[in-house]
């Protein structure tokens, strides 16, 4: 049975990815940082899954995770970097600590995981890596300077990693979601939701399951000749030229 590692798998997009991979018979090890109830729910509803509490900001996080995955999974065939943070802060008030925190989680942690997983993945004959970026990587949004920059960095890293790791039969791609539906989002950011829905040609938000299916495509042999690409899943909103 193939094995997959998914970061940030206790809720939202990450949890949907865990479920989608499990449905096609992957053994999945997912990470979470503080959402113990969410992790417990995923474990209870996804047979054969396992979880590891990891804070991607810690220096030993990548080593701990890949060591655990090597022990838990027969092989690491897929790595999905889904964990991320997205604080909203005006550029003028963005602190150095906030900026560094976003880059530690959204950029440094995925890069370190790719570095760590490349050796066992190559030794097993190859694999697939999928990074979750965002439409914010190429369509900036006011108040999201750190997040936008971090996702742009991750998108570019995806291309560079694809160049370097292709010779080892490791494909590296990215999925860039638009605004994803989540519990209570209409109450939390009603203006943003309304503007997105009005601008998107499909007239709606994106579901976590739709992002997960894009990840499954890029993680499996269905996309065996695709590497270094970013698949946009945004209900067409960037086509319409809108970002907040």
C-alpha atoms as a PDB file:
ATOM      1  CA  UNK A   1       0.000   0.000   0.000  1.00  0.00           C
ATOM      2  CA  UNK A   2       1.513   3.387  -0.989  1.00  0.00           C
ATOM      3  CA  UNK A   3       2.230   5.949   1.710  1.00  0.00           C
ATOM      4  CA  UNK A   4       1.566   9.679   1.898  1.00  0.00           C
ATOM      5  CA  UNK A   5       2.571  12.453   4.286  1.00  0.00           C
ATOM      6  CA  UNK A   6       0.233  15.448   4.572  1.00  0.00           C
ATOM      7  CA  UNK A   7       1.062  18.464   6.704  1.00  0.00           C
ATOM      8  CA  UNK A   8      -1.749  20.423   8.325  1.00  0.00           C
ATOM      9  CA  UNK A   9      -4.137  17.505   7.994  1.00  0.00           C
ATOM     10  CA  UNK A  10      -6.454  18.098  10.947  1.00  0.00           C
ATOM     11  CA  UNK A  11      -8.911  20.452   9.234  1.00  0.00           C
ATOM     12  CA  UNK A  12      -9.903  22.271   6.065  1.00  0.00           C
ATOM     13  CA  UNK A  13      -7.960  21.538   2.907  1.00  0.00           C
ATOM     14  CA  UNK A  14      -5.470  19.292   4.706  1.00  0.00           C
ATOM     15  CA  UNK A  15      -8.170  17.051   6.180  1.00  0.00           C
ATOM     16  CA  UNK A  16      -9.872  16.807   2.789  1.00  0.00           C
ATOM     17  CA  UNK A  17      -6.564  15.726   1.243  1.00  0.00           C
ATOM     18  CA  UNK A  18      -6.065  13.049   3.911  1.00  0.00           C
ATOM     19  CA  UNK A  19      -9.529  11.657   3.203  1.00  0.00           C
ATOM     20  CA  UNK A  20      -9.115  11.791  -0.579  1.00  0.00           C
ATOM     21  CA  UNK A  21      -5.796   9.928  -0.511  1.00  0.00           C
ATOM     22  CA  UNK A  22      -7.132   7.345   1.924  1.00  0.00           C
ATOM     23  CA  UNK A  23     -10.067   6.678  -0.424  1.00  0.00           C
ATOM     24  CA  UNK A  24      -7.625   5.572  -3.117  1.00  0.00           C
ATOM     25  CA  UNK A  25      -5.823   3.265  -0.694  1.00  0.00           C
ATOM     26  CA  UNK A  26      -2.943   5.390   0.543  1.00  0.00           C
ATOM     27  CA  UNK A  27      -1.758   4.993   4.091  1.00  0.00           C
ATOM     28  CA  UNK A  28      -1.598   8.568   5.347  1.00  0.00           C
ATOM     29  CA  UNK A  29       0.457  10.143   8.100  1.00  0.00           C
ATOM     30  CA  UNK A  30      -0.695  13.698   8.718  1.00  0.00           C
ATOM     31  CA  UNK A  31       0.550  16.455  10.983  1.00  0.00           C
ATOM     32  CA  UNK A  32      -1.179  18.978  13.188  1.00  0.00           C
ATOM     33  CA  UNK A  33       0.172  21.662  15.485  1.00  0.00           C
ATOM     34  CA  UNK A  34      -2.574  22.508  17.972  1.00  0.00           C
ATOM     35  CA  UNK A  35      -5.906  21.243  16.689  1.00  0.00           C
ATOM     36  CA  UNK A  36      -6.146  18.064  18.757  1.00  0.00           C
ATOM     37  CA  UNK A  37      -9.915  17.680  18.351  1.00  0.00           C
ATOM     38  CA  UNK A  38      -9.666  18.025  14.585  1.00  0.00           C
ATOM     39  CA  UNK A  39      -6.845  15.500  14.445  1.00  0.00           C
ATOM     40  CA  UNK A  40      -8.861  13.069  16.564  1.00  0.00           C
ATOM     41  CA  UNK A  41     -11.844  13.423  14.243  1.00  0.00           C
ATOM     42  CA  UNK A  42      -9.752  12.695  11.159  1.00  0.00           C
ATOM     43  CA  UNK A  43      -8.162   9.678  12.849  1.00  0.00           C
ATOM     44  CA  UNK A  44     -11.598   8.372  13.789  1.00  0.00           C
ATOM     45  CA  UNK A  45     -13.036   8.749  10.303  1.00  0.00           C
ATOM     46  CA  UNK A  46     -10.067   7.783   8.121  1.00  0.00           C
ATOM     47  CA  UNK A  47      -9.135   4.119   8.619  1.00  0.00           C
ATOM     48  CA  UNK A  48      -5.412   3.451   8.665  1.00  0.00           C
ATOM     49  CA  UNK A  49      -4.413   7.076   9.111  1.00  0.00           C
ATOM     50  CA  UNK A  50      -1.937   8.215  11.748  1.00  0.00           C
ATOM     51  CA  UNK A  51      -1.040  11.616  13.136  1.00  0.00           C
ATOM     52  CA  UNK A  52       1.985  13.399  14.530  1.00  0.00           C
ATOM     53  CA  UNK A  53       1.928  16.670  16.410  1.00  0.00           C
ATOM     54  CA  UNK A  54       4.573  18.850  14.799  1.00  0.00           C
ATOM     55  CA  UNK A  55       5.238  22.572  14.807  1.00  0.00           C
ATOM     56  CA  UNK A  56       6.870  23.386  11.484  1.00  0.00           C
ATOM     57  CA  UNK A  57       8.625  26.356  13.064  1.00  0.00           C
ATOM     58  CA  UNK A  58      10.825  24.094  15.191  1.00  0.00           C
ATOM     59  CA  UNK A  59      14.326  23.358  13.835  1.00  0.00           C
ATOM     60  CA  UNK A  60      13.908  19.574  14.098  1.00  0.00           C
ATOM     61  CA  UNK A  61      10.362  19.407  12.682  1.00  0.00           C
ATOM     62  CA  UNK A  62      11.264  18.073   9.230  1.00  0.00           C
ATOM     63  CA  UNK A  63      13.651  15.473  10.603  1.00  0.00           C
ATOM     64  CA  UNK A  64      11.111  14.249  13.174  1.00  0.00           C
ATOM     65  CA  UNK A  65       8.343  13.992  10.615  1.00  0.00           C
ATOM     66  CA  UNK A  66      10.282  12.145   7.933  1.00  0.00           C
ATOM     67  CA  UNK A  67      11.825   9.774  10.503  1.00  0.00           C
ATOM     68  CA  UNK A  68       8.309   9.007  11.792  1.00  0.00           C
ATOM     69  CA  UNK A  69       7.017   8.529   8.254  1.00  0.00           C
ATOM     70  CA  UNK A  70       9.810   6.104   7.377  1.00  0.00           C
ATOM     71  CA  UNK A  71       8.870   4.044  10.447  1.00  0.00           C
ATOM     72  CA  UNK A  72       5.098   4.262   9.961  1.00  0.00           C
ATOM     73  CA  UNK A  73       4.709   3.939   6.193  1.00  0.00           C
ATOM     74  CA  UNK A  74       6.167   1.253   3.998  1.00  0.00           C
ATOM     75  CA  UNK A  75       7.251   3.948   1.539  1.00  0.00           C
ATOM     76  CA  UNK A  76       6.819   7.701   1.227  1.00  0.00           C
ATOM     77  CA  UNK A  77       5.304   7.951  -2.218  1.00  0.00           C
ATOM     78  CA  UNK A  78       3.608  11.325  -1.757  1.00  0.00           C
ATOM     79  CA  UNK A  79       4.345  14.453   0.275  1.00  0.00           C
ATOM     80  CA  UNK A  80       1.733  17.205   0.444  1.00  0.00           C
ATOM     81  CA  UNK A  81       2.782  20.480   2.047  1.00  0.00           C
ATOM     82  CA  UNK A  82      -0.599  21.842   3.117  1.00  0.00           C
ATOM     83  CA  UNK A  83       0.102  23.506   6.477  1.00  0.00           C
ATOM     84  CA  UNK A  84       0.092  27.270   6.362  1.00  0.00           C
ATOM     85  CA  UNK A  85      -0.838  30.450   8.209  1.00  0.00           C
ATOM     86  CA  UNK A  86      -2.429  33.577   6.774  1.00  0.00           C
ATOM     87  CA  UNK A  87      -2.474  36.542   9.152  1.00  0.00           C
ATOM     88  CA  UNK A  88      -4.163  39.690   7.895  1.00  0.00           C
ATOM     89  CA  UNK A  89      -2.068  42.777   8.622  1.00  0.00           C
ATOM     90  CA  UNK A  90      -1.569  46.156   7.021  1.00  0.00           C
ATOM     91  CA  UNK A  91       1.911  46.415   5.522  1.00  0.00           C
ATOM     92  CA  UNK A  92       2.751  49.429   7.680  1.00  0.00           C
ATOM     93  CA  UNK A  93       1.959  47.570  10.893  1.00  0.00           C
ATOM     94  CA  UNK A  94       3.422  44.178   9.947  1.00  0.00           C
ATOM     95  CA  UNK A  95       6.044  43.293  12.546  1.00  0.00           C
ATOM     96  CA  UNK A  96       9.304  41.502  11.854  1.00  0.00           C
ATOM     97  CA  UNK A  97       8.163  38.651  14.103  1.00  0.00           C
ATOM     98  CA  UNK A  98       4.910  38.234  12.159  1.00  0.00           C
ATOM     99  CA  UNK A  99       6.772  38.304   8.853  1.00  0.00           C
ATOM    100  CA  UNK A 100       9.322  35.726   9.981  1.00  0.00           C
ATOM    101  CA  UNK A 101       6.597  33.489  11.412  1.00  0.00           C
ATOM    102  CA  UNK A 102       4.736  33.388   8.093  1.00  0.00           C
ATOM    103  CA  UNK A 103       7.900  32.506   6.202  1.00  0.00           C
ATOM    104  CA  UNK A 104       8.933  29.846   8.723  1.00  0.00           C
ATOM    105  CA  UNK A 105       5.603  28.038   8.333  1.00  0.00           C
ATOM    106  CA  UNK A 106       4.765  28.726   4.683  1.00  0.00           C
ATOM    107  CA  UNK A 107       8.221  28.580   3.091  1.00  0.00           C
ATOM    108  CA  UNK A 108      10.996  27.257   5.325  1.00  0.00           C
ATOM    109  CA  UNK A 109       9.066  24.236   6.611  1.00  0.00           C
ATOM    110  CA  UNK A 110       8.014  22.965   3.145  1.00  0.00           C
ATOM    111  CA  UNK A 111      11.516  23.438   1.750  1.00  0.00           C
ATOM    112  CA  UNK A 112      13.061  21.543   4.660  1.00  0.00           C
ATOM    113  CA  UNK A 113      10.551  18.715   4.255  1.00  0.00           C
ATOM    114  CA  UNK A 114      11.323  18.405   0.550  1.00  0.00           C
ATOM    115  CA  UNK A 115      15.028  18.289   1.394  1.00  0.00           C
ATOM    116  CA  UNK A 116      14.437  15.535   3.953  1.00  0.00           C
ATOM    117  CA  UNK A 117      12.030  13.435   1.906  1.00  0.00           C
ATOM    118  CA  UNK A 118      14.015  13.512  -1.337  1.00  0.00           C
ATOM    119  CA  UNK A 119      16.507  10.844  -0.253  1.00  0.00           C
ATOM    120  CA  UNK A 120      14.094   8.088   0.844  1.00  0.00           C
ATOM    121  CA  UNK A 121      11.733   8.946  -2.006  1.00  0.00           C
ATOM    122  CA  UNK A 122      14.506   8.674  -4.602  1.00  0.00           C
ATOM    123  CA  UNK A 123      15.783   5.452  -3.026  1.00  0.00           C
ATOM    124  CA  UNK A 124      12.295   3.962  -3.422  1.00  0.00           C
ATOM    125  CA  UNK A 125      12.213   4.815  -7.119  1.00  0.00           C
ATOM    126  CA  UNK A 126      10.572   8.240  -7.086  1.00  0.00           C
ATOM    127  CA  UNK A 127       7.385   9.892  -5.944  1.00  0.00           C
ATOM    128  CA  UNK A 128       5.282  13.033  -6.042  1.00  0.00           C
ATOM    129  CA  UNK A 129       5.376  16.247  -4.022  1.00  0.00           C
ATOM    130  CA  UNK A 130       2.484  18.712  -4.051  1.00  0.00           C
ATOM    131  CA  UNK A 131       2.762  22.137  -2.439  1.00  0.00           C
ATOM    132  CA  UNK A 132      -0.364  24.082  -1.560  1.00  0.00           C
ATOM    133  CA  UNK A 133       0.261  27.638  -2.661  1.00  0.00           C
ATOM    134  CA  UNK A 134      -2.533  30.139  -3.367  1.00  0.00           C
ATOM    135  CA  UNK A 135      -3.888  32.397  -6.065  1.00  0.00           C
ATOM    136  CA  UNK A 136      -2.330  35.093  -3.852  1.00  0.00           C
ATOM    137  CA  UNK A 137       1.027  33.953  -5.237  1.00  0.00           C
ATOM    138  CA  UNK A 138       0.283  35.870  -8.431  1.00  0.00           C
ATOM    139  CA  UNK A 139      -2.791  37.981  -7.591  1.00  0.00           C
ATOM    140  CA  UNK A 140      -1.913  40.141  -4.555  1.00  0.00           C
ATOM    141  CA  UNK A 141      -4.454  41.043  -1.912  1.00  0.00           C
ATOM    142  CA  UNK A 142      -4.415  44.131   0.289  1.00  0.00           C
ATOM    143  CA  UNK A 143      -3.496  43.349   3.887  1.00  0.00           C
ATOM    144  CA  UNK A 144      -1.827  40.053   2.969  1.00  0.00           C
ATOM    145  CA  UNK A 145       1.714  41.160   2.108  1.00  0.00           C
ATOM    146  CA  UNK A 146       3.523  38.472   4.102  1.00  0.00           C
ATOM    147  CA  UNK A 147       1.169  35.698   2.984  1.00  0.00           C
ATOM    148  CA  UNK A 148       1.276  36.767  -0.669  1.00  0.00           C
ATOM    149  CA  UNK A 149       5.069  36.886  -0.668  1.00  0.00           C
ATOM    150  CA  UNK A 150       5.359  33.516   1.077  1.00  0.00           C
ATOM    151  CA  UNK A 151       3.066  31.778  -1.394  1.00  0.00           C
ATOM    152  CA  UNK A 152       4.906  33.320  -4.338  1.00  0.00           C
ATOM    153  CA  UNK A 153       8.154  31.996  -2.869  1.00  0.00           C
ATOM    154  CA  UNK A 154       6.659  28.514  -2.476  1.00  0.00           C
ATOM    155  CA  UNK A 155       5.411  28.546  -6.068  1.00  0.00           C
ATOM    156  CA  UNK A 156       8.877  29.419  -7.368  1.00  0.00           C
ATOM    157  CA  UNK A 157      10.494  26.814  -5.120  1.00  0.00           C
ATOM    158  CA  UNK A 158       8.126  24.238  -6.638  1.00  0.00           C
ATOM    159  CA  UNK A 159       9.576  24.916 -10.081  1.00  0.00           C
ATOM    160  CA  UNK A 160      13.176  24.803  -8.896  1.00  0.00           C
ATOM    161  CA  UNK A 161      12.638  21.575  -6.960  1.00  0.00           C
ATOM    162  CA  UNK A 162      11.021  20.027 -10.041  1.00  0.00           C
ATOM    163  CA  UNK A 163      14.131  20.853 -12.066  1.00  0.00           C
ATOM    164  CA  UNK A 164      16.497  19.331  -9.527  1.00  0.00           C
ATOM    165  CA  UNK A 165      14.531  16.259  -8.506  1.00  0.00           C
ATOM    166  CA  UNK A 166      13.181  15.145 -11.870  1.00  0.00           C
ATOM    167  CA  UNK A 167      16.274  13.044 -12.534  1.00  0.00           C
ATOM    168  CA  UNK A 168      15.310  11.000  -9.465  1.00  0.00           C
ATOM    169  CA  UNK A 169      11.777  10.378 -10.799  1.00  0.00           C
ATOM    170  CA  UNK A 170      10.344  12.814  -8.266  1.00  0.00           C
ATOM    171  CA  UNK A 171       7.662  15.135  -9.604  1.00  0.00           C
ATOM    172  CA  UNK A 172       7.003  18.440  -7.830  1.00  0.00           C
ATOM    173  CA  UNK A 173       3.847  20.451  -8.498  1.00  0.00           C
ATOM    174  CA  UNK A 174       1.582  22.904  -6.721  1.00  0.00           C
ATOM    175  CA  UNK A 175      -2.116  23.592  -6.299  1.00  0.00           C
ATOM    176  CA  UNK A 176      -3.227  27.210  -5.938  1.00  0.00           C
ATOM    177  CA  UNK A 177      -6.694  27.490  -4.377  1.00  0.00           C
ATOM    178  CA  UNK A 178      -8.886  30.544  -4.404  1.00  0.00           C
ATOM    179  CA  UNK A 179     -11.088  31.421  -1.434  1.00  0.00           C
ATOM    180  CA  UNK A 180     -12.049  28.116   0.170  1.00  0.00           C
ATOM    181  CA  UNK A 181     -15.328  27.579   1.967  1.00  0.00           C
ATOM    182  CA  UNK A 182     -14.962  26.857   5.669  1.00  0.00           C
ATOM    183  CA  UNK A 183     -17.347  26.871   8.636  1.00  0.00           C
ATOM    184  CA  UNK A 184     -18.442  30.402   9.495  1.00  0.00           C
ATOM    185  CA  UNK A 185     -16.453  32.131   6.750  1.00  0.00           C
ATOM    186  CA  UNK A 186     -19.497  34.135   5.642  1.00  0.00           C
ATOM    187  CA  UNK A 187     -19.744  35.616   9.136  1.00  0.00           C
ATOM    188  CA  UNK A 188     -15.999  36.143   9.616  1.00  0.00           C
ATOM    189  CA  UNK A 189     -15.242  37.928   6.307  1.00  0.00           C
ATOM    190  CA  UNK A 190     -18.639  38.594   4.672  1.00  0.00           C
ATOM    191  CA  UNK A 191     -17.391  41.374   2.386  1.00  0.00           C
ATOM    192  CA  UNK A 192     -14.556  39.227   1.060  1.00  0.00           C
ATOM    193  CA  UNK A 193     -16.841  36.263   0.436  1.00  0.00           C
ATOM    194  CA  UNK A 194     -19.419  38.422  -1.320  1.00  0.00           C
ATOM    195  CA  UNK A 195     -16.819  40.080  -3.543  1.00  0.00           C
ATOM    196  CA  UNK A 196     -15.225  36.733  -4.446  1.00  0.00           C
ATOM    197  CA  UNK A 197     -18.553  35.099  -5.315  1.00  0.00           C
ATOM    198  CA  UNK A 198     -19.650  38.074  -7.422  1.00  0.00           C
ATOM    199  CA  UNK A 199     -16.354  38.124  -9.329  1.00  0.00           C
ATOM    200  CA  UNK A 200     -15.883  34.377  -9.876  1.00  0.00           C
ATOM    201  CA  UNK A 201     -17.279  33.156 -13.212  1.00  0.00           C
ATOM    202  CA  UNK A 202     -18.630  30.069 -11.419  1.00  0.00           C
ATOM    203  CA  UNK A 203     -20.295  32.324  -8.849  1.00  0.00           C
ATOM    204  CA  UNK A 204     -19.175  30.477  -5.718  1.00  0.00           C
ATOM    205  CA  UNK A 205     -16.334  29.638  -3.365  1.00  0.00           C
ATOM    206  CA  UNK A 206     -14.067  26.613  -3.741  1.00  0.00           C
ATOM    207  CA  UNK A 207     -14.659  23.542  -1.573  1.00  0.00           C
ATOM    208  CA  UNK A 208     -11.851  21.733   0.295  1.00  0.00           C
ATOM    209  CA  UNK A 209     -12.772  18.542  -1.563  1.00  0.00           C
ATOM    210  CA  UNK A 210     -12.223  20.235  -4.923  1.00  0.00           C
ATOM    211  CA  UNK A 211      -8.720  21.248  -3.867  1.00  0.00           C
ATOM    212  CA  UNK A 212      -8.112  17.711  -2.595  1.00  0.00           C
ATOM    213  CA  UNK A 213      -9.090  16.192  -5.927  1.00  0.00           C
ATOM    214  CA  UNK A 214      -6.588  18.439  -7.699  1.00  0.00           C
ATOM    215  CA  UNK A 215      -3.930  17.208  -5.275  1.00  0.00           C
ATOM    216  CA  UNK A 216      -4.884  13.582  -5.954  1.00  0.00           C
ATOM    217  CA  UNK A 217      -4.477  14.197  -9.680  1.00  0.00           C
ATOM    218  CA  UNK A 218      -0.991  15.648  -9.249  1.00  0.00           C
ATOM    219  CA  UNK A 219       0.038  13.017  -6.695  1.00  0.00           C
ATOM    220  CA  UNK A 220      -0.893   9.968  -8.747  1.00  0.00           C
ATOM    221  CA  UNK A 221       0.167   8.441 -12.078  1.00  0.00           C
ATOM    222  CA  UNK A 222      -2.722  10.276 -13.777  1.00  0.00           C
ATOM    223  CA  UNK A 223      -0.273  13.196 -14.050  1.00  0.00           C
ATOM    224  CA  UNK A 224       2.872  11.140 -14.671  1.00  0.00           C
ATOM    225  CA  UNK A 225       4.323  13.576 -17.249  1.00  0.00           C
ATOM    226  CA  UNK A 226       3.528  16.749 -15.279  1.00  0.00           C
ATOM    227  CA  UNK A 227       6.084  18.472 -13.089  1.00  0.00           C
ATOM    228  CA  UNK A 228       6.930  22.036 -12.125  1.00  0.00           C
ATOM    229  CA  UNK A 229       3.366  23.225 -12.692  1.00  0.00           C
ATOM    230  CA  UNK A 230       0.762  25.050 -10.621  1.00  0.00           C
ATOM    231  CA  UNK A 231      -2.855  23.973 -10.966  1.00  0.00           C
ATOM    232  CA  UNK A 232      -5.228  26.830 -10.126  1.00  0.00           C
ATOM    233  CA  UNK A 233      -8.496  25.868  -8.393  1.00  0.00           C
ATOM    234  CA  UNK A 234     -10.328  29.166  -7.912  1.00  0.00           C
ATOM    235  CA  UNK A 235     -13.781  29.039  -9.547  1.00  0.00           C
ATOM    236  CA  UNK A 236     -12.257  31.279 -12.223  1.00  0.00           C
ATOM    237  CA  UNK A 237     -11.780  34.349 -10.040  1.00  0.00           C
ATOM    238  CA  UNK A 238      -8.263  35.184 -11.230  1.00  0.00           C
ATOM    239  CA  UNK A 239      -9.488  34.862 -14.811  1.00  0.00           C
ATOM    240  CA  UNK A 240     -11.905  37.643 -13.964  1.00  0.00           C
ATOM    241  CA  UNK A 241      -9.015  39.752 -12.659  1.00  0.00           C
ATOM    242  CA  UNK A 242     -10.296  40.076  -9.103  1.00  0.00           C
ATOM    243  CA  UNK A 243      -8.486  39.873  -5.834  1.00  0.00           C
ATOM    244  CA  UNK A 244      -9.497  41.713  -2.688  1.00  0.00           C
END
